[in-house]
Amino acid sequence: MSGLPNCPKCQSKYTYKDGSMFVCPECAHEWNLQTENEESEKITKDANGNVLNDGDSVTIIKDLKVKGSSSVLKMGTKVKSIRLVDGDHDFDCKMFWCGEIEIRVC
């Protein structure tokens, strides 16, 4: 069992290799080392495939409902100075009419 990585989910040392995947028999978690390394460096892209960075400006390409409100972000609205974040959404931004909002790229 030496040389095999511990399970990233439960830290079990009883992992085994199944083809190109690693499997943990204790929690049934399956992972690929290459995929896990790529996920650690999350890259957010816009609809055209351009990489987004902190401070970029984006334009909304379809109407978005604002959760918890009756307002809608209209297509063509320009959002300035985005901040990329980790978590359940992709970036934070400020809009002059509704304050700070969190947007998730689908």
PDB file of N, CA and C in Angstrom:
ATOM      1  N   MET A   1       0.814  -1.195   0.000  1.00  0.00           N
ATOM      2  CA  MET A   1       0.000   0.000   0.000  1.00  0.00           C
ATOM      3  C   MET A   1       0.863   1.265   0.000  1.00  0.00           C
ATOM      4  N   SER A   2       2.167   1.104   0.075  1.00  0.00           N
ATOM      5  CA  SER A   2       3.024   2.280   0.102  1.00  0.00           C
ATOM      6  C   SER A   2       3.016   2.959  -1.264  1.00  0.00           C
ATOM      7  N   GLY A   3       3.144   4.253  -1.263  1.00  0.00           N
ATOM      8  CA  GLY A   3       3.162   5.018  -2.492  1.00  0.00           C
ATOM      9  C   GLY A   3       1.798   5.501  -2.936  1.00  0.00           C
ATOM     10  N   LEU A   4       0.734   4.968  -2.384  1.00  0.00           N
ATOM     11  CA  LEU A   4      -0.602   5.430  -2.741  1.00  0.00           C
ATOM     12  C   LEU A   4      -0.995   6.581  -1.821  1.00  0.00           C
ATOM     13  N   PRO A   5      -1.697   7.584  -2.359  1.00  0.00           N
ATOM     14  CA  PRO A   5      -2.087   8.723  -1.529  1.00  0.00           C
ATOM     15  C   PRO A   5      -3.224   8.360  -0.570  1.00  0.00           C
ATOM     16  N   ASN A   6      -3.296   9.083   0.535  1.00  0.00           N
ATOM     17  CA  ASN A   6      -4.423   8.929   1.455  1.00  0.00           C
ATOM     18  C   ASN A   6      -5.676   9.527   0.808  1.00  0.00           C
ATOM     19  N   CYS A   7      -6.813   9.081   1.268  1.00  0.00           N
ATOM     20  CA  CYS A   7      -8.088   9.591   0.758  1.00  0.00           C
ATOM     21  C   CYS A   7      -8.220  11.075   1.113  1.00  0.00           C
ATOM     22  N   PRO A   8      -8.524  11.949   0.147  1.00  0.00           N
ATOM     23  CA  PRO A   8      -8.672  13.375   0.453  1.00  0.00           C
ATOM     24  C   PRO A   8      -9.939  13.689   1.249  1.00  0.00           C
ATOM     25  N   LYS A   9     -10.882  12.759   1.266  1.00  0.00           N
ATOM     26  CA  LYS A   9     -12.144  13.007   1.967  1.00  0.00           C
ATOM     27  C   LYS A   9     -12.073  12.584   3.437  1.00  0.00           C
ATOM     28  N   CYS A  10     -11.565  11.357   3.709  1.00  0.00           N
ATOM     29  CA  CYS A  10     -11.563  10.851   5.086  1.00  0.00           C
ATOM     30  C   CYS A  10     -10.150  10.559   5.611  1.00  0.00           C
ATOM     31  N   GLN A  11      -9.125  10.801   4.796  1.00  0.00           N
ATOM     32  CA  GLN A  11      -7.719  10.585   5.167  1.00  0.00           C
ATOM     33  C   GLN A  11      -7.381   9.125   5.459  1.00  0.00           C
ATOM     34  N   SER A  12      -8.144   8.201   4.933  1.00  0.00           N
ATOM     35  CA  SER A  12      -7.877   6.781   5.117  1.00  0.00           C
ATOM     36  C   SER A  12      -6.616   6.392   4.353  1.00  0.00           C
ATOM     37  N   LYS A  13      -5.833   5.489   4.927  1.00  0.00           N
ATOM     38  CA  LYS A  13      -4.613   5.049   4.260  1.00  0.00           C
ATOM     39  C   LYS A  13      -4.839   3.779   3.443  1.00  0.00           C
ATOM     40  N   TYR A  14      -6.052   3.237   3.457  1.00  0.00           N
ATOM     41  CA  TYR A  14      -6.363   1.994   2.767  1.00  0.00           C
ATOM     42  C   TYR A  14      -6.933   2.233   1.374  1.00  0.00           C
ATOM     43  N   THR A  15      -6.298   3.074   0.599  1.00  0.00           N
ATOM     44  CA  THR A  15      -6.768   3.346  -0.748  1.00  0.00           C
ATOM     45  C   THR A  15      -6.168   2.342  -1.732  1.00  0.00           C
ATOM     46  N   TYR A  16      -6.818   2.195  -2.864  1.00  0.00           N
ATOM     47  CA  TYR A  16      -6.280   1.329  -3.906  1.00  0.00           C
ATOM     48  C   TYR A  16      -6.546   1.960  -5.266  1.00  0.00           C
ATOM     49  N   LYS A  17      -5.790   1.516  -6.253  1.00  0.00           N
ATOM     50  CA  LYS A  17      -5.906   2.060  -7.601  1.00  0.00           C
ATOM     51  C   LYS A  17      -6.800   1.154  -8.431  1.00  0.00           C
ATOM     52  N   ASP A  18      -7.741   1.767  -9.150  1.00  0.00           N
ATOM     53  CA  ASP A  18      -8.653   1.039 -10.031  1.00  0.00           C
ATOM     54  C   ASP A  18      -8.595   1.711 -11.402  1.00  0.00           C
ATOM     55  N   GLY A  19      -7.772   1.201 -12.276  1.00  0.00           N
ATOM     56  CA  GLY A  19      -7.560   1.830 -13.578  1.00  0.00           C
ATOM     57  C   GLY A  19      -6.801   3.128 -13.391  1.00  0.00           C
ATOM     58  N   SER A  20      -7.396   4.254 -13.826  1.00  0.00           N
ATOM     59  CA  SER A  20      -6.751   5.554 -13.644  1.00  0.00           C
ATOM     60  C   SER A  20      -7.278   6.281 -12.414  1.00  0.00           C
ATOM     61  N   MET A  21      -8.187   5.658 -11.679  1.00  0.00           N
ATOM     62  CA  MET A  21      -8.801   6.279 -10.500  1.00  0.00           C
ATOM     63  C   MET A  21      -8.266   5.654  -9.224  1.00  0.00           C
ATOM     64  N   PHE A  22      -8.303   6.439  -8.142  1.00  0.00           N
ATOM     65  CA  PHE A  22      -8.018   5.936  -6.809  1.00  0.00           C
ATOM     66  C   PHE A  22      -9.341   5.796  -6.072  1.00  0.00           C
ATOM     67  N   VAL A  23      -9.466   4.755  -5.246  1.00  0.00           N
ATOM     68  CA  VAL A  23     -10.724   4.468  -4.552  1.00  0.00           C
ATOM     69  C   VAL A  23     -10.422   4.277  -3.071  1.00  0.00           C
ATOM     70  N   CYS A  24     -11.310   4.808  -2.223  1.00  0.00           N
ATOM     71  CA  CYS A  24     -11.220   4.604  -0.779  1.00  0.00           C
ATOM     72  C   CYS A  24     -12.303   3.597  -0.382  1.00  0.00           C
ATOM     73  N   PRO A  25     -11.933   2.440   0.181  1.00  0.00           N
ATOM     74  CA  PRO A  25     -12.938   1.448   0.553  1.00  0.00           C
ATOM     75  C   PRO A  25     -13.748   1.844   1.783  1.00  0.00           C
ATOM     76  N   GLU A  26     -13.265   2.789   2.566  1.00  0.00           N
ATOM     77  CA  GLU A  26     -13.973   3.168   3.794  1.00  0.00           C
ATOM     78  C   GLU A  26     -15.118   4.147   3.539  1.00  0.00           C
ATOM     79  N   CYS A  27     -14.887   5.152   2.663  1.00  0.00           N
ATOM     80  CA  CYS A  27     -15.949   6.138   2.410  1.00  0.00           C
ATOM     81  C   CYS A  27     -16.458   6.092   0.975  1.00  0.00           C
ATOM     82  N   ALA A  28     -15.907   5.201   0.146  1.00  0.00           N
ATOM     83  CA  ALA A  28     -16.303   5.000  -1.253  1.00  0.00           C
ATOM     84  C   ALA A  28     -16.039   6.225  -2.138  1.00  0.00           C
ATOM     85  N   HIS A  29     -15.109   7.067  -1.715  1.00  0.00           N
ATOM     86  CA  HIS A  29     -14.738   8.240  -2.514  1.00  0.00           C
ATOM     87  C   HIS A  29     -13.802   7.805  -3.633  1.00  0.00           C
ATOM     88  N   GLU A  30     -14.059   8.308  -4.856  1.00  0.00           N
ATOM     89  CA  GLU A  30     -13.202   8.031  -6.004  1.00  0.00           C
ATOM     90  C   GLU A  30     -12.631   9.341  -6.510  1.00  0.00           C
ATOM     91  N   TRP A  31     -11.357   9.353  -6.885  1.00  0.00           N
ATOM     92  CA  TRP A  31     -10.745  10.569  -7.384  1.00  0.00           C
ATOM     93  C   TRP A  31      -9.597  10.227  -8.319  1.00  0.00           C
ATOM     94  N   ASN A  32      -9.217  11.238  -9.082  1.00  0.00           N
ATOM     95  CA  ASN A  32      -8.101  11.149 -10.004  1.00  0.00           C
ATOM     96  C   ASN A  32      -7.114  12.234  -9.586  1.00  0.00           C
ATOM     97  N   LEU A  33      -5.862  11.920  -9.438  1.00  0.00           N
ATOM     98  CA  LEU A  33      -4.884  12.910  -8.976  1.00  0.00           C
ATOM     99  C   LEU A  33      -4.786  14.088  -9.930  1.00  0.00           C
ATOM    100  N   GLN A  34      -4.844  13.877 -11.238  1.00  0.00           N
ATOM    101  CA  GLN A  34      -4.751  14.971 -12.189  1.00  0.00           C
ATOM    102  C   GLN A  34      -5.951  15.895 -12.062  1.00  0.00           C
ATOM    103  N   THR A  35      -7.149  15.355 -11.930  1.00  0.00           N
ATOM    104  CA  THR A  35      -8.359  16.159 -11.788  1.00  0.00           C
ATOM    105  C   THR A  35      -8.314  16.964 -10.504  1.00  0.00           C
ATOM    106  N   GLU A  36      -7.841  16.368  -9.421  1.00  0.00           N
ATOM    107  CA  GLU A  36      -7.777  17.061  -8.141  1.00  0.00           C
ATOM    108  C   GLU A  36      -6.802  18.229  -8.195  1.00  0.00           C
ATOM    109  N   ASN A  37      -5.676  18.075  -8.859  1.00  0.00           N
ATOM    110  CA  ASN A  37      -4.708  19.161  -8.988  1.00  0.00           C
ATOM    111  C   ASN A  37      -5.279  20.292  -9.829  1.00  0.00           C
ATOM    112  N   GLU A  38      -6.044  19.983 -10.872  1.00  0.00           N
ATOM    113  CA  GLU A  38      -6.653  21.010 -11.699  1.00  0.00           C
ATOM    114  C   GLU A  38      -7.733  21.766 -10.940  1.00  0.00           C
ATOM    115  N   GLU A  39      -8.490  21.080 -10.074  1.00  0.00           N
ATOM    116  CA  GLU A  39      -9.563  21.726  -9.323  1.00  0.00           C
ATOM    117  C   GLU A  39      -9.016  22.674  -8.267  1.00  0.00           C
ATOM    118  N   SER A  40      -7.804  22.435  -7.753  1.00  0.00           N
ATOM    119  CA  SER A  40      -7.250  23.301  -6.728  1.00  0.00           C
ATOM    120  C   SER A  40      -6.960  24.688  -7.293  1.00  0.00           C
ATOM    121  N   GLU A  41      -6.679  24.784  -8.590  1.00  0.00           N
ATOM    122  CA  GLU A  41      -6.464  26.059  -9.237  1.00  0.00           C
ATOM    123  C   GLU A  41      -7.696  26.378 -10.068  1.00  0.00           C
ATOM    124  N   LYS A  42      -8.739  26.879  -9.422  1.00  0.00           N
ATOM    125  CA  LYS A  42     -10.001  27.142 -10.091  1.00  0.00           C
ATOM    126  C   LYS A  42      -9.852  28.334 -11.027  1.00  0.00           C
ATOM    127  N   ILE A  43     -10.255  28.144 -12.263  1.00  0.00           N
ATOM    128  CA  ILE A  43     -10.189  29.200 -13.264  1.00  0.00           C
ATOM    129  C   ILE A  43     -11.611  29.523 -13.683  1.00  0.00           C
ATOM    130  N   THR A  44     -11.994  30.789 -13.555  1.00  0.00           N
ATOM    131  CA  THR A  44     -13.327  31.229 -13.946  1.00  0.00           C
ATOM    132  C   THR A  44     -13.232  31.897 -15.305  1.00  0.00           C
ATOM    133  N   LYS A  45     -14.087  31.457 -16.226  1.00  0.00           N
ATOM    134  CA  LYS A  45     -14.086  32.011 -17.577  1.00  0.00           C
ATOM    135  C   LYS A  45     -15.447  32.620 -17.882  1.00  0.00           C
ATOM    136  N   ASP A  46     -15.448  33.574 -18.816  1.00  0.00           N
ATOM    137  CA  ASP A  46     -16.709  34.172 -19.234  1.00  0.00           C
ATOM    138  C   ASP A  46     -17.323  33.351 -20.367  1.00  0.00           C
ATOM    139  N   ALA A  47     -18.406  33.821 -20.947  1.00  0.00           N
ATOM    140  CA  ALA A  47     -19.122  33.072 -21.981  1.00  0.00           C
ATOM    141  C   ALA A  47     -18.295  32.891 -23.248  1.00  0.00           C
ATOM    142  N   ASN A  48     -17.322  33.758 -23.480  1.00  0.00           N
ATOM    143  CA  ASN A  48     -16.475  33.655 -24.666  1.00  0.00           C
ATOM    144  C   ASN A  48     -15.214  32.838 -24.415  1.00  0.00           C
ATOM    145  N   GLY A  49     -15.024  32.349 -23.191  1.00  0.00           N
ATOM    146  CA  GLY A  49     -13.854  31.550 -22.864  1.00  0.00           C
ATOM    147  C   GLY A  49     -12.672  32.352 -22.364  1.00  0.00           C
ATOM    148  N   ASN A  50     -12.846  33.653 -22.144  1.00  0.00           N
ATOM    149  CA  ASN A  50     -11.758  34.483 -21.612  1.00  0.00           C
ATOM    150  C   ASN A  50     -11.653  34.286 -20.109  1.00  0.00           C
ATOM    151  N   VAL A  51     -10.436  34.223 -19.587  1.00  0.00           N
ATOM    152  CA  VAL A  51     -10.209  34.038 -18.156  1.00  0.00           C
ATOM    153  C   VAL A  51     -10.532  35.345 -17.431  1.00  0.00           C
ATOM    154  N   LEU A  52     -11.312  35.241 -16.347  1.00  0.00           N
ATOM    155  CA  LEU A  52     -11.671  36.417 -15.549  1.00  0.00           C
ATOM    156  C   LEU A  52     -10.678  36.597 -14.416  1.00  0.00           C
ATOM    157  N   ASN A  53     -10.339  37.846 -14.118  1.00  0.00           N
ATOM    158  CA  ASN A  53      -9.433  38.200 -13.031  1.00  0.00           C
ATOM    159  C   ASN A  53     -10.098  39.235 -12.141  1.00  0.00           C
ATOM    160  N   ASP A  54      -9.547  39.435 -10.937  1.00  0.00           N
ATOM    161  CA  ASP A  54     -10.056  40.470 -10.041  1.00  0.00           C
ATOM    162  C   ASP A  54      -9.964  41.830 -10.730  1.00  0.00           C
ATOM    163  N   GLY A  55     -11.019  42.642 -10.590  1.00  0.00           N
ATOM    164  CA  GLY A  55     -11.027  43.988 -11.145  1.00  0.00           C
ATOM    165  C   GLY A  55     -11.560  44.074 -12.557  1.00  0.00           C
ATOM    166  N   ASP A  56     -11.852  42.943 -13.193  1.00  0.00           N
ATOM    167  CA  ASP A  56     -12.395  42.962 -14.554  1.00  0.00           C
ATOM    168  C   ASP A  56     -13.819  43.485 -14.564  1.00  0.00           C
ATOM    169  N   SER A  57     -14.256  43.928 -15.724  1.00  0.00           N
ATOM    170  CA  SER A  57     -15.642  44.320 -15.940  1.00  0.00           C
ATOM    171  C   SER A  57     -16.284  43.282 -16.846  1.00  0.00           C
ATOM    172  N   VAL A  58     -17.527  42.933 -16.553  1.00  0.00           N
ATOM    173  CA  VAL A  58     -18.254  41.961 -17.361  1.00  0.00           C
ATOM    174  C   VAL A  58     -19.612  42.533 -17.730  1.00  0.00           C
ATOM    175  N   THR A  59     -20.191  42.001 -18.797  1.00  0.00           N
ATOM    176  CA  THR A  59     -21.527  42.383 -19.225  1.00  0.00           C
ATOM    177  C   THR A  59     -22.418  41.156 -19.120  1.00  0.00           C
ATOM    178  N   ILE A  60     -23.579  41.313 -18.514  1.00  0.00           N
ATOM    179  CA  ILE A  60     -24.510  40.204 -18.324  1.00  0.00           C
ATOM    180  C   ILE A  60     -25.147  39.875 -19.672  1.00  0.00           C
ATOM    181  N   ILE A  61     -25.137  38.577 -20.052  1.00  0.00           N
ATOM    182  CA  ILE A  61     -25.619  38.190 -21.380  1.00  0.00           C
ATOM    183  C   ILE A  61     -27.045  37.650 -21.377  1.00  0.00           C
ATOM    184  N   LYS A  62     -27.648  37.450 -20.205  1.00  0.00           N
ATOM    185  CA  LYS A  62     -29.056  37.066 -20.143  1.00  0.00           C
ATOM    186  C   LYS A  62     -29.641  37.598 -18.845  1.00  0.00           C
ATOM    187  N   ASP A  63     -30.952  37.773 -18.804  1.00  0.00           N
ATOM    188  CA  ASP A  63     -31.613  38.285 -17.603  1.00  0.00           C
ATOM    189  C   ASP A  63     -31.387  37.325 -16.439  1.00  0.00           C
ATOM    190  N   LEU A  64     -31.014  37.873 -15.279  1.00  0.00           N
ATOM    191  CA  LEU A  64     -30.775  37.065 -14.087  1.00  0.00           C
ATOM    192  C   LEU A  64     -31.713  37.512 -12.982  1.00  0.00           C
ATOM    193  N   LYS A  65     -32.425  36.566 -12.387  1.00  0.00           N
ATOM    194  CA  LYS A  65     -33.269  36.875 -11.245  1.00  0.00           C
ATOM    195  C   LYS A  65     -32.376  37.038 -10.019  1.00  0.00           C
ATOM    196  N   VAL A  66     -32.665  38.053  -9.196  1.00  0.00           N
ATOM    197  CA  VAL A  66     -31.924  38.271  -7.964  1.00  0.00           C
ATOM    198  C   VAL A  66     -32.635  37.504  -6.868  1.00  0.00           C
ATOM    199  N   LYS A  67     -31.921  36.529  -6.287  1.00  0.00           N
ATOM    200  CA  LYS A  67     -32.518  35.670  -5.268  1.00  0.00           C
ATOM    201  C   LYS A  67     -32.903  36.500  -4.036  1.00  0.00           C
ATOM    202  N   GLY A  68     -34.105  36.311  -3.549  1.00  0.00           N
ATOM    203  CA  GLY A  68     -34.581  37.033  -2.375  1.00  0.00           C
ATOM    204  C   GLY A  68     -35.117  38.411  -2.695  1.00  0.00           C
ATOM    205  N   SER A  69     -35.296  38.709  -3.967  1.00  0.00           N
ATOM    206  CA  SER A  69     -35.785  40.014  -4.373  1.00  0.00           C
ATOM    207  C   SER A  69     -36.682  39.838  -5.595  1.00  0.00           C
ATOM    208  N   SER A  70     -37.475  40.850  -5.877  1.00  0.00           N
ATOM    209  CA  SER A  70     -38.318  40.792  -7.069  1.00  0.00           C
ATOM    210  C   SER A  70     -37.631  41.448  -8.265  1.00  0.00           C
ATOM    211  N   SER A  71     -36.435  41.963  -8.074  1.00  0.00           N
ATOM    212  CA  SER A  71     -35.732  42.642  -9.169  1.00  0.00           C
ATOM    213  C   SER A  71     -34.990  41.650 -10.059  1.00  0.00           C
ATOM    214  N   VAL A  72     -34.643  42.129 -11.246  1.00  0.00           N
ATOM    215  CA  VAL A  72     -33.962  41.311 -12.246  1.00  0.00           C
ATOM    216  C   VAL A  72     -32.769  42.099 -12.782  1.00  0.00           C
ATOM    217  N   LEU A  73     -31.635  41.432 -12.950  1.00  0.00           N
ATOM    218  CA  LEU A  73     -30.495  42.051 -13.628  1.00  0.00           C
ATOM    219  C   LEU A  73     -30.719  41.857 -15.119  1.00  0.00           C
ATOM    220  N   LYS A  74     -30.875  42.940 -15.851  1.00  0.00           N
ATOM    221  CA  LYS A  74     -31.210  42.872 -17.266  1.00  0.00           C
ATOM    222  C   LYS A  74     -29.994  42.550 -18.123  1.00  0.00           C
ATOM    223  N   MET A  75     -30.259  41.905 -19.255  1.00  0.00           N
ATOM    224  CA  MET A  75     -29.217  41.617 -20.229  1.00  0.00           C
ATOM    225  C   MET A  75     -28.580  42.932 -20.684  1.00  0.00           C
ATOM    226  N   GLY A  76     -27.259  42.954 -20.782  1.00  0.00           N
ATOM    227  CA  GLY A  76     -26.546  44.150 -21.212  1.00  0.00           C
ATOM    228  C   GLY A  76     -26.053  45.009 -20.069  1.00  0.00           C
ATOM    229  N   THR A  77     -26.427  44.670 -18.819  1.00  0.00           N
ATOM    230  CA  THR A  77     -25.964  45.420 -17.658  1.00  0.00           C
ATOM    231  C   THR A  77     -24.474  45.197 -17.481  1.00  0.00           C
ATOM    232  N   LYS A  78     -23.716  46.277 -17.315  1.00  0.00           N
ATOM    233  CA  LYS A  78     -22.276  46.164 -17.137  1.00  0.00           C
ATOM    234  C   LYS A  78     -21.962  46.110 -15.643  1.00  0.00           C
ATOM    235  N   VAL A  79     -21.161  45.129 -15.256  1.00  0.00           N
ATOM    236  CA  VAL A  79     -20.752  44.958 -13.861  1.00  0.00           C
ATOM    237  C   VAL A  79     -19.266  45.272 -13.797  1.00  0.00           C
ATOM    238  N   LYS A  80     -18.896  46.248 -12.972  1.00  0.00           N
ATOM    239  CA  LYS A  80     -17.500  46.681 -12.904  1.00  0.00           C
ATOM    240  C   LYS A  80     -16.823  46.149 -11.650  1.00  0.00           C
ATOM    241  N   SER A  81     -15.530  45.989 -11.718  1.00  0.00           N
ATOM    242  CA  SER A  81     -14.668  45.623 -10.580  1.00  0.00           C
ATOM    243  C   SER A  81     -15.154  44.367  -9.851  1.00  0.00           C
ATOM    244  N   ILE A  82     -15.149  43.243 -10.535  1.00  0.00           N
ATOM    245  CA  ILE A  82     -15.536  41.990  -9.896  1.00  0.00           C
ATOM    246  C   ILE A  82     -14.403  41.494  -9.006  1.00  0.00           C
ATOM    247  N   ARG A  83     -14.752  40.710  -7.985  1.00  0.00           N
ATOM    248  CA  ARG A  83     -13.778  40.084  -7.089  1.00  0.00           C
ATOM    249  C   ARG A  83     -14.036  38.582  -7.108  1.00  0.00           C
ATOM    250  N   LEU A  84     -13.069  37.807  -7.585  1.00  0.00           N
ATOM    251  CA  LEU A  84     -13.207  36.348  -7.620  1.00  0.00           C
ATOM    252  C   LEU A  84     -13.102  35.793  -6.217  1.00  0.00           C
ATOM    253  N   VAL A  85     -13.978  34.849  -5.877  1.00  0.00           N
ATOM    254  CA  VAL A  85     -13.990  34.261  -4.538  1.00  0.00           C
ATOM    255  C   VAL A  85     -14.164  32.746  -4.644  1.00  0.00           C
ATOM    256  N   ASP A  86     -13.811  32.041  -3.580  1.00  0.00           N
ATOM    257  CA  ASP A  86     -14.070  30.609  -3.477  1.00  0.00           C
ATOM    258  C   ASP A  86     -15.346  30.421  -2.682  1.00  0.00           C
ATOM    259  N   GLY A  87     -16.066  29.384  -2.977  1.00  0.00           N
ATOM    260  CA  GLY A  87     -17.293  29.106  -2.227  1.00  0.00           C
ATOM    261  C   GLY A  87     -18.403  28.698  -3.155  1.00  0.00           C
ATOM    262  N   ASP A  88     -19.647  28.995  -2.745  1.00  0.00           N
ATOM    263  CA  ASP A  88     -20.796  28.560  -3.524  1.00  0.00           C
ATOM    264  C   ASP A  88     -21.103  29.481  -4.701  1.00  0.00           C
ATOM    265  N   HIS A  89     -20.402  30.591  -4.826  1.00  0.00           N
ATOM    266  CA  HIS A  89     -20.562  31.486  -5.970  1.00  0.00           C
ATOM    267  C   HIS A  89     -19.178  31.820  -6.522  1.00  0.00           C
ATOM    268  N   ASP A  90     -19.137  32.404  -7.713  1.00  0.00           N
ATOM    269  CA  ASP A  90     -17.862  32.613  -8.389  1.00  0.00           C
ATOM    270  C   ASP A  90     -17.249  33.988  -8.163  1.00  0.00           C
ATOM    271  N   PHE A  91     -18.075  35.033  -8.097  1.00  0.00           N
ATOM    272  CA  PHE A  91     -17.497  36.348  -7.823  1.00  0.00           C
ATOM    273  C   PHE A  91     -18.485  37.274  -7.140  1.00  0.00           C
ATOM    274  N   ASP A  92     -17.930  38.281  -6.456  1.00  0.00           N
ATOM    275  CA  ASP A  92     -18.693  39.337  -5.800  1.00  0.00           C
ATOM    276  C   ASP A  92     -18.541  40.603  -6.627  1.00  0.00           C
ATOM    277  N   CYS A  93     -19.548  41.475  -6.558  1.00  0.00           N
ATOM    278  CA  CYS A  93     -19.446  42.760  -7.231  1.00  0.00           C
ATOM    279  C   CYS A  93     -20.407  43.737  -6.568  1.00  0.00           C
ATOM    280  N   LYS A  94     -20.222  45.007  -6.873  1.00  0.00           N
ATOM    281  CA  LYS A  94     -21.117  46.044  -6.379  1.00  0.00           C
ATOM    282  C   LYS A  94     -21.853  46.634  -7.561  1.00  0.00           C
ATOM    283  N   MET A  95     -23.152  46.844  -7.352  1.00  0.00           N
ATOM    284  CA  MET A  95     -23.946  47.509  -8.372  1.00  0.00           C
ATOM    285  C   MET A  95     -24.570  48.732  -7.717  1.00  0.00           C
ATOM    286  N   PHE A  96     -24.649  49.816  -8.456  1.00  0.00           N
ATOM    287  CA  PHE A  96     -25.077  51.081  -7.873  1.00  0.00           C
ATOM    288  C   PHE A  96     -26.506  51.052  -7.354  1.00  0.00           C
ATOM    289  N   TRP A  97     -27.383  50.221  -7.902  1.00  0.00           N
ATOM    290  CA  TRP A  97     -28.789  50.246  -7.498  1.00  0.00           C
ATOM    291  C   TRP A  97     -29.167  49.163  -6.504  1.00  0.00           C
ATOM    292  N   CYS A  98     -28.309  48.117  -6.322  1.00  0.00           N
ATOM    293  CA  CYS A  98     -28.700  47.060  -5.379  1.00  0.00           C
ATOM    294  C   CYS A  98     -27.597  46.699  -4.384  1.00  0.00           C
ATOM    295  N   GLY A  99     -26.471  47.387  -4.415  1.00  0.00           N
ATOM    296  CA  GLY A  99     -25.408  47.121  -3.449  1.00  0.00           C
ATOM    297  C   GLY A  99     -24.557  45.928  -3.861  1.00  0.00           C
ATOM    298  N   GLU A 100     -24.019  45.235  -2.865  1.00  0.00           N
ATOM    299  CA  GLU A 100     -23.153  44.097  -3.143  1.00  0.00           C
ATOM    300  C   GLU A 100     -23.975  42.857  -3.467  1.00  0.00           C
ATOM    301  N   ILE A 101     -23.556  42.141  -4.513  1.00  0.00           N
ATOM    302  CA  ILE A 101     -24.234  40.903  -4.872  1.00  0.00           C
ATOM    303  C   ILE A 101     -23.189  39.832  -5.170  1.00  0.00           C
ATOM    304  N   GLU A 102     -23.627  38.588  -5.124  1.00  0.00           N
ATOM    305  CA  GLU A 102     -22.785  37.441  -5.429  1.00  0.00           C
ATOM    306  C   GLU A 102     -23.356  36.795  -6.687  1.00  0.00           C
ATOM    307  N   ILE A 103     -22.459  36.493  -7.656  1.00  0.00           N
ATOM    308  CA  ILE A 103     -22.919  35.909  -8.912  1.00  0.00           C
ATOM    309  C   ILE A 103     -22.239  34.566  -9.129  1.00  0.00           C
ATOM    310  N   ARG A 104     -23.014  33.602  -9.568  1.00  0.00           N
ATOM    311  CA  ARG A 104     -22.501  32.272  -9.884  1.00  0.00           C
ATOM    312  C   ARG A 104     -22.539  32.103 -11.395  1.00  0.00           C
ATOM    313  N   VAL A 105     -21.412  31.712 -11.988  1.00  0.00           N
ATOM    314  CA  VAL A 105     -21.328  31.481 -13.426  1.00  0.00           C
ATOM    315  C   VAL A 105     -21.828  30.081 -13.718  1.00  0.00           C
ATOM    316  N   CYS A 106     -22.785  29.945 -14.622  1.00  0.00           N
ATOM    317  CA  CYS A 106     -23.350  28.628 -14.956  1.00  0.00           C
ATOM    318  C   CYS A 106     -22.778  28.082 -16.225  1.00  0.00           C
TER     319      CYS A 106
END
